[in-house]
């Protein structure tokens, strides 16, 4: 495991990650979810990630988009 990923995991608390993704992607992440800050992770607009969810994109790209058609 890289030193930078270890530092991100322990230096950025969940509320900071939640605010980061809220401002960048306009998505809602529960503070109880574990979402890693990564340049490989892209989350779609208005996506909701609830408690006890773990999302990590350390070694490759991950795109998560929710599309609802009415």
Protein backbone atom coordinates (compact mmCIF):
# COMPACT_ATOMS: atom_id res chain seq x y z
CA UNK A 1 0.00 0.00 0.00
CA UNK A 2 1.33 3.40 -0.94
CA UNK A 3 2.16 5.95 1.73
CA UNK A 4 -0.15 8.52 0.09
CA UNK A 5 -3.18 6.20 0.26
CA UNK A 6 -2.44 5.45 3.91
CA UNK A 7 -2.18 9.18 4.64
CA UNK A 8 -5.47 9.92 2.86
CA UNK A 9 -7.27 7.19 4.72
CA UNK A 10 -6.25 8.45 8.15
CA UNK A 11 -5.82 12.20 7.66
CA UNK A 12 -9.12 12.97 5.93
CA UNK A 13 -12.11 12.20 8.19
CA UNK A 14 -15.42 11.10 6.67
CA UNK A 15 -17.13 14.52 6.91
CA UNK A 16 -14.31 16.08 4.85
CA UNK A 17 -14.68 13.40 2.17
CA UNK A 18 -18.46 13.92 2.20
CA UNK A 19 -18.09 17.68 1.69
CA UNK A 20 -15.49 17.18 -1.05
CA UNK A 21 -17.70 14.90 -3.14
CA UNK A 22 -20.78 17.02 -2.42
CA UNK A 23 -19.10 20.10 -3.86
CA UNK A 24 -17.34 18.32 -6.73
CA UNK A 25 -20.07 15.92 -7.93
CA UNK A 26 -23.22 17.14 -6.09
CA UNK A 27 -23.71 13.72 -4.57
CA UNK A 28 -24.67 12.81 -1.02
CA UNK A 29 -22.40 10.50 0.95
CA UNK A 30 -23.19 9.42 4.48
CA UNK A 31 -20.45 10.26 7.00
CA UNK A 32 -20.66 6.59 8.03
CA UNK A 33 -19.73 5.46 4.50
CA UNK A 34 -16.09 4.79 3.69
CA UNK A 35 -15.27 6.46 0.36
CA UNK A 36 -11.65 6.92 -0.53
CA UNK A 37 -10.45 10.20 -2.05
CA UNK A 38 -8.99 9.12 -5.37
CA UNK A 39 -8.42 10.66 -8.80
CA UNK A 40 -9.68 7.35 -10.22
CA UNK A 41 -13.17 7.72 -8.69
CA UNK A 42 -15.98 9.53 -10.52
CA UNK A 43 -19.46 9.76 -9.01
CA UNK A 44 -22.52 10.92 -10.96
CA UNK A 45 -24.74 13.88 -10.01
CA UNK A 46 -27.38 13.33 -7.32
CA UNK A 47 -25.96 9.93 -6.37
CA UNK A 48 -26.68 8.84 -2.81
CA UNK A 49 -24.22 6.60 -0.99
CA UNK A 50 -25.65 5.45 2.31
CA UNK A 51 -24.13 4.26 5.57
CA UNK A 52 -21.76 1.31 5.84
CA UNK A 53 -20.82 1.41 2.14
CA UNK A 54 -17.17 1.02 1.19
CA UNK A 55 -15.92 2.40 -2.15
CA UNK A 56 -12.24 2.36 -3.10
CA UNK A 57 -10.62 3.00 -6.47
CA UNK A 58 -6.93 2.72 -5.69
CA UNK A 59 -5.43 1.05 -8.77
CA UNK A 60 -7.93 1.63 -11.59
CA UNK A 61 -10.81 3.83 -12.63
CA UNK A 62 -14.28 3.47 -11.12
CA UNK A 63 -17.26 5.38 -12.51
CA UNK A 64 -20.48 5.29 -10.52
CA UNK A 65 -23.48 6.95 -12.12
CA UNK A 66 -27.12 6.55 -11.29
CA UNK A 67 -29.56 7.15 -14.11
CA UNK A 68 -33.27 7.32 -13.36
CA UNK A 69 -35.76 7.50 -16.19
CA UNK A 70 -39.32 8.53 -15.53
